[in-house]
Structures are given as C-alpha cells and as structure tokens.
Amino acid sequence: MMTGVVTAGREAVVRVRLRSLQGQEVDIDTVLDTGFTEALSLPQTWVDTLALPLVELDEMTLADGSVIQVEVYKGRVIWDGQEHTIVIHCVEGSPLLGMSLLYDYLLTIQVVAGGSVTITALA
C-alpha cells in the first residue's frame, strides 16, 4: 500500500521513489492526475538530474484539446515495493502521477485538506 495526502490546494499528493539507470535514487512528490493516462511526467530539471535516456518524441493532448509534442524518457520507479521500468513524459509544472501506474490498484482519497490518499493493490 502507498499513501499520500490532500493539500490545502486540493491536490492529492503521493511521494514516489525514482531510480536512475545509474542507480541514483530520489523521492519526488507527485500530483495524482486521473486525466493523465500515462505513468509519470517530470519537468526537465528532474529529467536532467536523473540523466534519463531519451526514448522518443510523443504527442500529448491536453485538457483544453491542444496537442503538444513532448520528449519521452526511460526511468525506473519503486512502486508498491517493486522496481518497474517506465516511460516518463517531460512536461513542465508539477510532477504528475498518471493512470498507467494506478492500473490494478484501488485509489481512495479523503477530499479534505490533510485527507489521506491510499493506493492499494487489487490482487
């Protein structure tokens, strides 16, 4: 099980541990975004810090319907105690945790400031 908290700004935040391909580890606070279908987005500063390798360019459709081109990198995440290789979309702003990492998990959010966020495996 993984946990997080709802901020006063009404964002559900979960800390995620990332591991570079060279073994460097960092903990990053991510905002849960159920409208983001990919695994994770990070701003360029985190991509550079972790020296993530570029995989490809991809198009993303934003909530307003506009389409942007973003770089996609390869990284590793410690998710529910297990290491997984994932693709990370490079997008400026807060790091986002998307639906691909939440798949096969139960997400429960107490939507009040300081409320708990829990992510529990379904199987």
N, C-alpha and C. Protein backbone atom coordinates (compact mmCIF):
# COMPACT_ATOMS: atom_id res chain seq x y z
N MET A 1 0.84 -1.18 0.00
CA MET A 1 0.00 0.00 0.00
C MET A 1 0.89 1.24 0.00
N MET A 2 0.45 2.24 -0.73
CA MET A 2 1.15 3.52 -0.77
C MET A 2 0.19 4.59 -0.25
N THR A 3 0.74 5.64 0.33
CA THR A 3 -0.10 6.67 0.92
C THR A 3 0.36 8.06 0.49
N GLY A 4 -0.54 9.00 0.66
CA GLY A 4 -0.26 10.39 0.38
C GLY A 4 -1.21 11.26 1.16
N VAL A 5 -1.31 12.51 0.76
CA VAL A 5 -2.14 13.47 1.49
C VAL A 5 -2.76 14.46 0.51
N VAL A 6 -3.91 14.99 0.87
CA VAL A 6 -4.55 16.04 0.10
C VAL A 6 -4.08 17.38 0.66
N THR A 7 -3.61 18.25 -0.21
CA THR A 7 -3.09 19.55 0.21
C THR A 7 -4.24 20.55 0.40
N ALA A 8 -3.92 21.69 1.02
CA ALA A 8 -4.90 22.76 1.16
C ALA A 8 -5.34 23.28 -0.21
N GLY A 9 -4.48 23.09 -1.22
CA GLY A 9 -4.82 23.48 -2.59
C GLY A 9 -5.63 22.43 -3.33
N ARG A 10 -6.09 21.40 -2.62
CA ARG A 10 -6.96 20.33 -3.15
C ARG A 10 -6.27 19.44 -4.17
N GLU A 11 -4.98 19.21 -3.97
CA GLU A 11 -4.24 18.26 -4.81
C GLU A 11 -3.92 17.02 -3.99
N ALA A 12 -4.14 15.86 -4.59
CA ALA A 12 -3.77 14.59 -3.95
C ALA A 12 -2.30 14.33 -4.30
N VAL A 13 -1.44 14.32 -3.29
CA VAL A 13 0.00 14.22 -3.49
C VAL A 13 0.52 12.90 -2.92
N VAL A 14 1.30 12.21 -3.73
CA VAL A 14 1.92 10.94 -3.34
C VAL A 14 3.41 11.03 -3.63
N ARG A 15 4.22 10.64 -2.66
CA ARG A 15 5.68 10.63 -2.87
C ARG A 15 6.06 9.34 -3.59
N VAL A 16 6.86 9.50 -4.65
CA VAL A 16 7.29 8.37 -5.48
C VAL A 16 8.81 8.33 -5.48
N ARG A 17 9.37 7.14 -5.37
CA ARG A 17 10.82 6.98 -5.44
C ARG A 17 11.21 6.60 -6.86
N LEU A 18 12.11 7.40 -7.44
CA LEU A 18 12.62 7.14 -8.77
C LEU A 18 14.07 6.71 -8.67
N ARG A 19 14.48 5.86 -9.58
CA ARG A 19 15.86 5.39 -9.63
C ARG A 19 16.37 5.59 -11.06
N SER A 20 17.50 6.28 -11.17
CA SER A 20 18.09 6.46 -12.50
C SER A 20 18.67 5.13 -12.95
N LEU A 21 19.00 5.04 -14.23
CA LEU A 21 19.61 3.82 -14.75
C LEU A 21 20.99 3.59 -14.15
N GLN A 22 21.58 4.65 -13.57
CA GLN A 22 22.89 4.55 -12.92
C GLN A 22 22.74 4.21 -11.43
N GLY A 23 21.51 4.13 -10.93
CA GLY A 23 21.27 3.73 -9.54
C GLY A 23 21.00 4.87 -8.57
N GLN A 24 21.06 6.12 -9.02
CA GLN A 24 20.75 7.25 -8.15
C GLN A 24 19.26 7.23 -7.81
N GLU A 25 18.92 7.44 -6.53
CA GLU A 25 17.53 7.44 -6.11
C GLU A 25 17.12 8.80 -5.58
N VAL A 26 15.88 9.20 -5.93
CA VAL A 26 15.30 10.43 -5.41
C VAL A 26 13.82 10.18 -5.11
N ASP A 27 13.33 10.86 -4.08
CA ASP A 27 11.90 10.83 -3.77
C ASP A 27 11.29 12.13 -4.28
N ILE A 28 10.21 12.00 -5.03
CA ILE A 28 9.56 13.14 -5.65
C ILE A 28 8.08 13.15 -5.28
N ASP A 29 7.59 14.30 -4.84
CA ASP A 29 6.16 14.45 -4.60
C ASP A 29 5.47 14.65 -5.93
N THR A 30 4.49 13.80 -6.20
CA THR A 30 3.74 13.85 -7.46
C THR A 30 2.27 14.14 -7.17
N VAL A 31 1.63 14.80 -8.11
CA VAL A 31 0.20 15.10 -8.01
C VAL A 31 -0.55 14.05 -8.81
N LEU A 32 -1.52 13.40 -8.18
CA LEU A 32 -2.35 12.42 -8.89
C LEU A 32 -3.20 13.14 -9.93
N ASP A 33 -3.17 12.63 -11.15
CA ASP A 33 -3.93 13.24 -12.24
C ASP A 33 -4.64 12.12 -12.99
N THR A 34 -5.93 11.92 -12.67
CA THR A 34 -6.69 10.84 -13.31
C THR A 34 -7.00 11.13 -14.77
N GLY A 35 -6.74 12.35 -15.24
CA GLY A 35 -6.90 12.67 -16.64
C GLY A 35 -5.64 12.41 -17.45
N PHE A 36 -4.56 12.03 -16.78
CA PHE A 36 -3.28 11.73 -17.42
C PHE A 36 -3.18 10.22 -17.56
N THR A 37 -3.24 9.71 -18.78
CA THR A 37 -3.30 8.26 -18.99
C THR A 37 -1.94 7.58 -18.94
N GLU A 38 -0.86 8.33 -18.99
CA GLU A 38 0.48 7.74 -18.96
C GLU A 38 0.89 7.48 -17.51
N ALA A 39 2.15 7.11 -17.29
CA ALA A 39 2.61 6.74 -15.95
C ALA A 39 3.03 7.95 -15.12
N LEU A 40 3.94 8.75 -15.67
CA LEU A 40 4.53 9.81 -14.88
C LEU A 40 5.01 10.93 -15.79
N SER A 41 4.88 12.16 -15.32
CA SER A 41 5.50 13.29 -16.03
C SER A 41 6.44 13.99 -15.06
N LEU A 42 7.53 14.49 -15.60
CA LEU A 42 8.51 15.23 -14.81
C LEU A 42 8.95 16.46 -15.59
N PRO A 43 9.27 17.55 -14.88
CA PRO A 43 9.86 18.69 -15.58
C PRO A 43 11.31 18.39 -15.97
N GLN A 44 11.83 19.18 -16.88
CA GLN A 44 13.18 18.96 -17.42
C GLN A 44 14.25 18.89 -16.33
N THR A 45 14.10 19.66 -15.27
CA THR A 45 15.14 19.66 -14.22
C THR A 45 15.31 18.28 -13.59
N TRP A 46 14.21 17.55 -13.37
CA TRP A 46 14.31 16.20 -12.81
C TRP A 46 14.87 15.22 -13.83
N VAL A 47 14.47 15.38 -15.08
CA VAL A 47 15.00 14.52 -16.15
C VAL A 47 16.51 14.68 -16.21
N ASP A 48 16.99 15.93 -16.15
CA ASP A 48 18.43 16.20 -16.19
C ASP A 48 19.13 15.66 -14.94
N THR A 49 18.54 15.88 -13.77
CA THR A 49 19.14 15.41 -12.51
C THR A 49 19.35 13.91 -12.53
N LEU A 50 18.39 13.18 -13.07
CA LEU A 50 18.48 11.72 -13.11
C LEU A 50 19.19 11.19 -14.35
N ALA A 51 19.56 12.10 -15.25
CA ALA A 51 20.24 11.72 -16.50
C ALA A 51 19.48 10.60 -17.23
N LEU A 52 18.18 10.80 -17.38
CA LEU A 52 17.34 9.78 -18.02
C LEU A 52 17.59 9.75 -19.52
N PRO A 53 17.63 8.56 -20.11
CA PRO A 53 17.85 8.46 -21.56
C PRO A 53 16.56 8.75 -22.35
N LEU A 54 16.72 9.52 -23.41
CA LEU A 54 15.61 9.84 -24.30
C LEU A 54 15.21 8.61 -25.09
N VAL A 55 13.90 8.37 -25.17
CA VAL A 55 13.38 7.22 -25.91
C VAL A 55 12.77 7.66 -27.24
N GLU A 56 11.92 8.70 -27.18
CA GLU A 56 11.21 9.14 -28.38
C GLU A 56 10.54 10.48 -28.13
N LEU A 57 9.97 11.02 -29.19
CA LEU A 57 9.08 12.17 -29.08
C LEU A 57 7.65 11.65 -29.20
N ASP A 58 6.73 12.28 -28.47
CA ASP A 58 5.34 11.83 -28.46
C ASP A 58 4.44 13.05 -28.48
N GLU A 59 3.23 12.88 -28.96
CA GLU A 59 2.24 13.94 -28.91
C GLU A 59 1.30 13.68 -27.74
N MET A 60 1.00 14.75 -27.01
CA MET A 60 0.05 14.66 -25.89
C MET A 60 -1.08 15.64 -26.15
N THR A 61 -2.30 15.19 -25.86
CA THR A 61 -3.46 16.06 -25.95
C THR A 61 -3.77 16.57 -24.55
N LEU A 62 -3.77 17.88 -24.39
CA LEU A 62 -4.03 18.49 -23.09
C LEU A 62 -5.53 18.61 -22.84
N ALA A 63 -5.89 18.95 -21.61
CA ALA A 63 -7.29 19.04 -21.22
C ALA A 63 -8.07 20.04 -22.07
N ASP A 64 -7.40 21.08 -22.57
CA ASP A 64 -8.09 22.08 -23.39
C ASP A 64 -8.19 21.67 -24.86
N GLY A 65 -7.71 20.45 -25.17
CA GLY A 65 -7.79 19.93 -26.54
C GLY A 65 -6.57 20.24 -27.39
N SER A 66 -5.68 21.08 -26.91
CA SER A 66 -4.48 21.38 -27.69
C SER A 66 -3.52 20.20 -27.64
N VAL A 67 -2.71 20.08 -28.68
CA VAL A 67 -1.76 18.98 -28.80
C VAL A 67 -0.35 19.56 -28.73
N ILE A 68 0.48 18.94 -27.88
CA ILE A 68 1.87 19.37 -27.76
C ILE A 68 2.78 18.18 -28.02
N GLN A 69 3.99 18.46 -28.44
CA GLN A 69 4.99 17.41 -28.62
C GLN A 69 5.90 17.42 -27.40
N VAL A 70 6.14 16.24 -26.82
CA VAL A 70 6.97 16.12 -25.63
C VAL A 70 8.02 15.03 -25.82
N GLU A 71 9.11 15.18 -25.11
CA GLU A 71 10.13 14.14 -25.10
C GLU A 71 9.73 13.08 -24.09
N VAL A 72 10.02 11.82 -24.41
CA VAL A 72 9.71 10.70 -23.54
C VAL A 72 11.02 10.03 -23.16
N TYR A 73 11.19 9.77 -21.86
CA TYR A 73 12.43 9.20 -21.33
C TYR A 73 12.15 7.87 -20.66
N LYS A 74 13.21 7.10 -20.46
CA LYS A 74 13.10 5.82 -19.76
C LYS A 74 13.64 6.01 -18.34
N GLY A 75 12.89 5.51 -17.37
CA GLY A 75 13.31 5.59 -15.98
C GLY A 75 12.78 4.40 -15.20
N ARG A 76 13.13 4.39 -13.92
CA ARG A 76 12.65 3.31 -13.05
C ARG A 76 11.97 3.92 -11.83
N VAL A 77 10.87 3.29 -11.43
CA VAL A 77 10.12 3.73 -10.27
C VAL A 77 9.99 2.56 -9.30
N ILE A 78 10.07 2.88 -8.02
CA ILE A 78 9.77 1.87 -7.00
C ILE A 78 8.29 2.06 -6.67
N TRP A 79 7.50 1.09 -7.09
CA TRP A 79 6.04 1.19 -6.99
C TRP A 79 5.54 0.02 -6.18
N ASP A 80 4.95 0.30 -5.05
CA ASP A 80 4.43 -0.74 -4.15
C ASP A 80 5.53 -1.73 -3.79
N GLY A 81 6.73 -1.21 -3.57
CA GLY A 81 7.85 -2.03 -3.14
C GLY A 81 8.60 -2.74 -4.25
N GLN A 82 8.15 -2.60 -5.49
CA GLN A 82 8.78 -3.28 -6.62
C GLN A 82 9.33 -2.26 -7.62
N GLU A 83 10.46 -2.58 -8.21
CA GLU A 83 11.02 -1.70 -9.23
C GLU A 83 10.40 -2.00 -10.59
N HIS A 84 10.01 -0.93 -11.29
CA HIS A 84 9.42 -1.06 -12.62
C HIS A 84 10.10 -0.07 -13.55
N THR A 85 10.38 -0.50 -14.76
CA THR A 85 10.87 0.41 -15.79
C THR A 85 9.66 1.04 -16.45
N ILE A 86 9.66 2.36 -16.55
CA ILE A 86 8.52 3.08 -17.11
C ILE A 86 9.02 4.14 -18.09
N VAL A 87 8.08 4.68 -18.85
CA VAL A 87 8.38 5.85 -19.67
C VAL A 87 7.90 7.07 -18.90
N ILE A 88 8.68 8.15 -19.02
CA ILE A 88 8.40 9.38 -18.30
C ILE A 88 8.29 10.50 -19.32
N HIS A 89 7.16 11.17 -19.33
CA HIS A 89 6.93 12.29 -20.24
C HIS A 89 7.49 13.56 -19.62
N CYS A 90 8.25 14.30 -20.39
CA CYS A 90 8.86 15.53 -19.91
C CYS A 90 7.90 16.69 -20.17
N VAL A 91 7.30 17.19 -19.09
CA VAL A 91 6.34 18.28 -19.16
C VAL A 91 6.61 19.22 -17.99
N GLU A 92 6.69 20.51 -18.27
CA GLU A 92 6.94 21.47 -17.20
C GLU A 92 5.75 21.54 -16.25
N GLY A 93 6.01 21.93 -15.02
CA GLY A 93 4.97 22.01 -14.00
C GLY A 93 5.21 20.95 -12.94
N SER A 94 4.22 20.74 -12.12
CA SER A 94 4.32 19.73 -11.06
C SER A 94 4.45 18.34 -11.65
N PRO A 95 5.29 17.48 -11.05
CA PRO A 95 5.33 16.08 -11.49
C PRO A 95 3.94 15.46 -11.34
N LEU A 96 3.51 14.73 -12.35
CA LEU A 96 2.18 14.12 -12.34
C LEU A 96 2.28 12.60 -12.31
N LEU A 97 1.42 11.99 -11.50
CA LEU A 97 1.28 10.54 -11.41
C LEU A 97 0.00 10.19 -12.16
N GLY A 98 0.14 9.39 -13.22
CA GLY A 98 -1.00 9.10 -14.08
C GLY A 98 -1.61 7.73 -13.88
N MET A 99 -2.62 7.47 -14.68
CA MET A 99 -3.43 6.26 -14.56
C MET A 99 -2.67 4.97 -14.88
N SER A 100 -1.64 5.03 -15.70
CA SER A 100 -0.90 3.79 -16.00
C SER A 100 -0.26 3.19 -14.76
N LEU A 101 0.21 4.01 -13.84
CA LEU A 101 0.76 3.46 -12.59
C LEU A 101 -0.35 3.03 -11.64
N LEU A 102 -1.51 3.64 -11.74
CA LEU A 102 -2.61 3.30 -10.84
C LEU A 102 -3.40 2.08 -11.30
N TYR A 103 -3.16 1.62 -12.52
CA TYR A 103 -3.92 0.48 -13.05
C TYR A 103 -3.73 -0.74 -12.15
N ASP A 104 -4.79 -1.46 -11.87
CA ASP A 104 -4.83 -2.64 -10.99
C ASP A 104 -4.69 -2.27 -9.52
N TYR A 105 -4.97 -1.02 -9.18
CA TYR A 105 -4.93 -0.56 -7.79
C TYR A 105 -6.25 0.13 -7.44
N LEU A 106 -6.57 0.12 -6.16
CA LEU A 106 -7.71 0.86 -5.63
C LEU A 106 -7.19 2.18 -5.09
N LEU A 107 -7.74 3.28 -5.60
CA LEU A 107 -7.36 4.61 -5.16
C LEU A 107 -8.49 5.16 -4.29
N THR A 108 -8.13 5.56 -3.06
CA THR A 108 -9.10 6.16 -2.15
C THR A 108 -8.56 7.51 -1.69
N ILE A 109 -9.40 8.53 -1.82
CA ILE A 109 -8.98 9.88 -1.45
C ILE A 109 -10.03 10.50 -0.53
N GLN A 110 -9.59 10.94 0.63
CA GLN A 110 -10.44 11.75 1.51
C GLN A 110 -10.25 13.20 1.07
N VAL A 111 -11.20 13.72 0.34
CA VAL A 111 -11.02 15.01 -0.31
C VAL A 111 -11.35 16.15 0.64
N VAL A 112 -10.44 16.36 1.59
CA VAL A 112 -10.42 17.50 2.51
C VAL A 112 -8.95 17.82 2.75
N ALA A 113 -8.65 19.06 3.12
CA ALA A 113 -7.25 19.42 3.41
C ALA A 113 -6.71 18.49 4.49
N GLY A 114 -5.59 17.87 4.23
CA GLY A 114 -4.99 16.92 5.15
C GLY A 114 -5.57 15.53 5.06
N GLY A 115 -6.52 15.31 4.14
CA GLY A 115 -7.13 13.99 3.98
C GLY A 115 -6.14 12.97 3.46
N SER A 116 -6.41 11.72 3.73
CA SER A 116 -5.48 10.66 3.32
C SER A 116 -5.75 10.21 1.89
N VAL A 117 -4.66 9.80 1.25
CA VAL A 117 -4.69 9.18 -0.07
C VAL A 117 -4.10 7.80 0.11
N THR A 118 -4.83 6.77 -0.30
CA THR A 118 -4.30 5.41 -0.22
C THR A 118 -4.42 4.74 -1.58
N ILE A 119 -3.37 3.99 -1.91
CA ILE A 119 -3.32 3.24 -3.16
C ILE A 119 -3.00 1.80 -2.78
N THR A 120 -3.93 0.91 -3.04
CA THR A 120 -3.83 -0.47 -2.61
C THR A 120 -3.98 -1.41 -3.80
N ALA A 121 -3.11 -2.41 -3.89
CA ALA A 121 -3.19 -3.39 -4.97
C ALA A 121 -4.52 -4.13 -4.92
N LEU A 122 -5.11 -4.37 -6.09
CA LEU A 122 -6.37 -5.10 -6.16
C LEU A 122 -6.17 -6.60 -6.06
N ALA A 123 -5.04 -7.09 -6.51
CA ALA A 123 -4.81 -8.56 -6.50
C ALA A 123 -4.02 -8.98 -5.29
